[in-house]
Amino acid sequence: MIAISTDRPAKLEESRKANDLGYKLYSDSSLAAARAFGIAFQLSDDDVRMYLDYGIDLEAASGQKHHQLPVPSVFLVDAGGRIRWVYSNPDYKIRPDHAAILEAARGLAKTTDN
């Protein structure tokens, strides 16, 4: 499993050192990957100010001034690099059920084993 973050590489290295992560963590601070997957969205100036009010400086975290974030998403990719299952929801509070992801992964494993 891998995770992609909008934080710049140096911030991710801090997280990796501070936590015992069981997965690889990659930086997409430019949001090039998020744009390519069609999951990047532009924040309004009011949203950027709101994040700052909460103590979240998006520019400091990403090292970028694009004021974009990715829609939280899960992609299951087969060995050939093809996306076989996607869950994406703009409401960051709604995440896919772990059982649904596992079921999709098992189904993908069955179709690629044959």
C-alpha atoms as a PDB file:
ATOM      1  CA  MET A   1       0.000   0.000   0.000  1.00  0.00           C
ATOM      2  CA  ILE A   2       1.101   3.554  -0.646  1.00  0.00           C
ATOM      3  CA  ALA A   3      -0.307   6.899   0.417  1.00  0.00           C
ATOM      4  CA  ILE A   4       0.098  10.172  -1.404  1.00  0.00           C
ATOM      5  CA  SER A   5       0.125  13.457   0.480  1.00  0.00           C
ATOM      6  CA  THR A   6       0.140  17.100  -0.544  1.00  0.00           C
ATOM      7  CA  ASP A   7       2.875  17.794   2.011  1.00  0.00           C
ATOM      8  CA  ARG A   8       6.350  18.520   0.690  1.00  0.00           C
ATOM      9  CA  PRO A   9       8.894  15.686   0.968  1.00  0.00           C
ATOM     10  CA  ALA A  10      10.676  17.151   4.013  1.00  0.00           C
ATOM     11  CA  LYS A  11       7.418  17.237   6.009  1.00  0.00           C
ATOM     12  CA  LEU A  12       6.635  13.658   4.994  1.00  0.00           C
ATOM     13  CA  GLU A  13      10.071  12.561   6.177  1.00  0.00           C
ATOM     14  CA  GLU A  14       9.278  14.093   9.575  1.00  0.00           C
ATOM     15  CA  SER A  15       6.039  12.071   9.675  1.00  0.00           C
ATOM     16  CA  ARG A  16       7.809   8.891   8.607  1.00  0.00           C
ATOM     17  CA  LYS A  17      10.411   9.286  11.348  1.00  0.00           C
ATOM     18  CA  ALA A  18       7.834  10.158  14.025  1.00  0.00           C
ATOM     19  CA  ASN A  19       5.459   7.294  13.193  1.00  0.00           C
ATOM     20  CA  ASP A  20       5.874   3.603  12.500  1.00  0.00           C
ATOM     21  CA  LEU A  21       4.102   3.607   9.145  1.00  0.00           C
ATOM     22  CA  GLY A  22       3.279   0.265   7.582  1.00  0.00           C
ATOM     23  CA  TYR A  23       3.147   1.768   4.098  1.00  0.00           C
ATOM     24  CA  LYS A  24       5.085   4.003   1.731  1.00  0.00           C
ATOM     25  CA  LEU A  25       4.302   7.707   1.775  1.00  0.00           C
ATOM     26  CA  TYR A  26       4.823   9.823  -1.353  1.00  0.00           C
ATOM     27  CA  SER A  27       4.589  13.571  -1.897  1.00  0.00           C
ATOM     28  CA  ASP A  28       2.381  15.159  -4.540  1.00  0.00           C
ATOM     29  CA  SER A  29       2.863  18.722  -3.304  1.00  0.00           C
ATOM     30  CA  SER A  30       2.468  20.095  -6.839  1.00  0.00           C
ATOM     31  CA  LEU A  31      -0.780  18.087  -7.175  1.00  0.00           C
ATOM     32  CA  ALA A  32       0.343  16.870 -10.611  1.00  0.00           C
ATOM     33  CA  ALA A  33      -0.858  13.339  -9.819  1.00  0.00           C
ATOM     34  CA  ALA A  34      -4.123  14.593  -8.300  1.00  0.00           C
ATOM     35  CA  ARG A  35      -4.796  16.658 -11.415  1.00  0.00           C
ATOM     36  CA  ALA A  36      -3.956  13.689 -13.668  1.00  0.00           C
ATOM     37  CA  PHE A  37      -6.430  11.528 -11.735  1.00  0.00           C
ATOM     38  CA  GLY A  38      -9.060  14.295 -11.888  1.00  0.00           C
ATOM     39  CA  ILE A  39      -9.355  14.651  -8.121  1.00  0.00           C
ATOM     40  CA  ALA A  40      -7.784  18.099  -7.508  1.00  0.00           C
ATOM     41  CA  PHE A  41     -10.018  21.002  -6.552  1.00  0.00           C
ATOM     42  CA  GLN A  42      -9.360  24.717  -6.139  1.00  0.00           C
ATOM     43  CA  LEU A  43      -9.914  26.366  -2.770  1.00  0.00           C
ATOM     44  CA  SER A  44     -11.492  29.800  -2.600  1.00  0.00           C
ATOM     45  CA  ASP A  45      -9.642  32.623  -0.861  1.00  0.00           C
ATOM     46  CA  ASP A  46     -12.174  32.295   1.997  1.00  0.00           C
ATOM     47  CA  ASP A  47     -11.334  28.588   2.331  1.00  0.00           C
ATOM     48  CA  VAL A  48      -7.602  29.339   2.443  1.00  0.00           C
ATOM     49  CA  ARG A  49      -8.225  31.912   5.214  1.00  0.00           C
ATOM     50  CA  MET A  50     -10.403  29.382   7.085  1.00  0.00           C
ATOM     51  CA  TYR A  51      -7.583  26.807   6.983  1.00  0.00           C
ATOM     52  CA  LEU A  52      -5.178  29.473   8.308  1.00  0.00           C
ATOM     53  CA  ASP A  53      -7.646  30.262  11.110  1.00  0.00           C
ATOM     54  CA  TYR A  54      -7.473  26.555  12.059  1.00  0.00           C
ATOM     55  CA  GLY A  55      -3.675  26.764  12.089  1.00  0.00           C
ATOM     56  CA  ILE A  56      -3.218  24.957   8.759  1.00  0.00           C
ATOM     57  CA  ASP A  57      -0.869  26.781   6.411  1.00  0.00           C
ATOM     58  CA  LEU A  58      -1.306  24.972   3.105  1.00  0.00           C
ATOM     59  CA  GLU A  59       1.511  26.916   1.441  1.00  0.00           C
ATOM     60  CA  ALA A  60       3.977  26.045   4.215  1.00  0.00           C
ATOM     61  CA  ALA A  61       2.936  22.375   4.169  1.00  0.00           C
ATOM     62  CA  SER A  62       3.105  21.923   0.404  1.00  0.00           C
ATOM     63  CA  GLY A  63       5.697  24.542  -0.505  1.00  0.00           C
ATOM     64  CA  GLN A  64       3.288  25.607  -3.263  1.00  0.00           C
ATOM     65  CA  LYS A  65       0.895  28.513  -3.841  1.00  0.00           C
ATOM     66  CA  HIS A  66      -1.679  26.632  -5.943  1.00  0.00           C
ATOM     67  CA  HIS A  67      -4.286  26.503  -3.117  1.00  0.00           C
ATOM     68  CA  GLN A  68      -5.570  23.144  -4.274  1.00  0.00           C
ATOM     69  CA  LEU A  69      -6.353  19.950  -2.412  1.00  0.00           C
ATOM     70  CA  PRO A  70      -7.183  16.444  -3.596  1.00  0.00           C
ATOM     71  CA  VAL A  71     -10.561  14.810  -3.102  1.00  0.00           C
ATOM     72  CA  PRO A  72      -9.914  11.907  -0.690  1.00  0.00           C
ATOM     73  CA  SER A  73      -9.755   8.833  -2.926  1.00  0.00           C
ATOM     74  CA  VAL A  74      -8.773   5.176  -2.977  1.00  0.00           C
ATOM     75  CA  PHE A  75      -7.542   3.500  -6.163  1.00  0.00           C
ATOM     76  CA  LEU A  76      -6.954  -0.213  -6.625  1.00  0.00           C
ATOM     77  CA  VAL A  77      -4.503  -0.817  -9.448  1.00  0.00           C
ATOM     78  CA  ASP A  78      -3.718  -4.166 -11.064  1.00  0.00           C
ATOM     79  CA  ALA A  79      -0.226  -5.474 -11.786  1.00  0.00           C
ATOM     80  CA  GLY A  80      -0.448  -4.009 -15.303  1.00  0.00           C
ATOM     81  CA  GLY A  81      -0.984  -0.515 -13.898  1.00  0.00           C
ATOM     82  CA  ARG A  82      -4.685  -0.318 -14.788  1.00  0.00           C
ATOM     83  CA  ILE A  83      -7.075   1.287 -12.333  1.00  0.00           C
ATOM     84  CA  ARG A  84      -9.674  -1.367 -11.481  1.00  0.00           C
ATOM     85  CA  TRP A  85     -11.599   0.208  -8.603  1.00  0.00           C
ATOM     86  CA  VAL A  86     -12.055   3.774  -7.387  1.00  0.00           C
ATOM     87  CA  TYR A  87     -13.681   5.338  -4.381  1.00  0.00           C
ATOM     88  CA  SER A  88     -13.712   9.123  -4.319  1.00  0.00           C
ATOM     89  CA  ASN A  89     -15.875  11.426  -2.222  1.00  0.00           C
ATOM     90  CA  PRO A  90     -15.494  15.206  -1.903  1.00  0.00           C
ATOM     91  CA  ASP A  91     -16.802  14.976   1.682  1.00  0.00           C
ATOM     92  CA  TYR A  92     -13.569  14.115   3.525  1.00  0.00           C
ATOM     93  CA  LYS A  93     -15.609  12.897   6.511  1.00  0.00           C
ATOM     94  CA  ILE A  94     -17.083  10.026   4.490  1.00  0.00           C
ATOM     95  CA  ARG A  95     -14.539   7.301   3.892  1.00  0.00           C
ATOM     96  CA  PRO A  96     -15.011   3.917   2.271  1.00  0.00           C
ATOM     97  CA  ASP A  97     -15.726   0.985   4.496  1.00  0.00           C
ATOM     98  CA  HIS A  98     -12.631  -1.170   5.002  1.00  0.00           C
ATOM     99  CA  ALA A  99     -14.676  -4.272   4.178  1.00  0.00           C
ATOM    100  CA  ALA A 100     -15.698  -2.768   0.816  1.00  0.00           C
ATOM    101  CA  ILE A 101     -12.076  -2.072  -0.093  1.00  0.00           C
ATOM    102  CA  LEU A 102     -11.060  -5.578   0.939  1.00  0.00           C
ATOM    103  CA  GLU A 103     -13.913  -7.111  -1.062  1.00  0.00           C
ATOM    104  CA  ALA A 104     -12.922  -5.104  -4.136  1.00  0.00           C
ATOM    105  CA  ALA A 105      -9.265  -6.112  -3.707  1.00  0.00           C
ATOM    106  CA  ARG A 106     -10.198  -9.781  -3.359  1.00  0.00           C
ATOM    107  CA  GLY A 107     -12.361  -9.539  -6.460  1.00  0.00           C
ATOM    108  CA  LEU A 108      -9.489  -7.895  -8.333  1.00  0.00           C
ATOM    109  CA  ALA A 109      -7.103 -10.623  -7.153  1.00  0.00           C
ATOM    110  CA  LYS A 110      -9.480 -13.304  -8.461  1.00  0.00           C
ATOM    111  CA  THR A 111      -9.790 -11.701 -11.908  1.00  0.00           C
ATOM    112  CA  THR A 112      -6.033 -11.232 -12.262  1.00  0.00           C
ATOM    113  CA  ASP A 113      -5.207 -14.757 -11.052  1.00  0.00           C
ATOM    114  CA  ASN A 114      -7.103 -16.358 -13.934  1.00  0.00           C
END
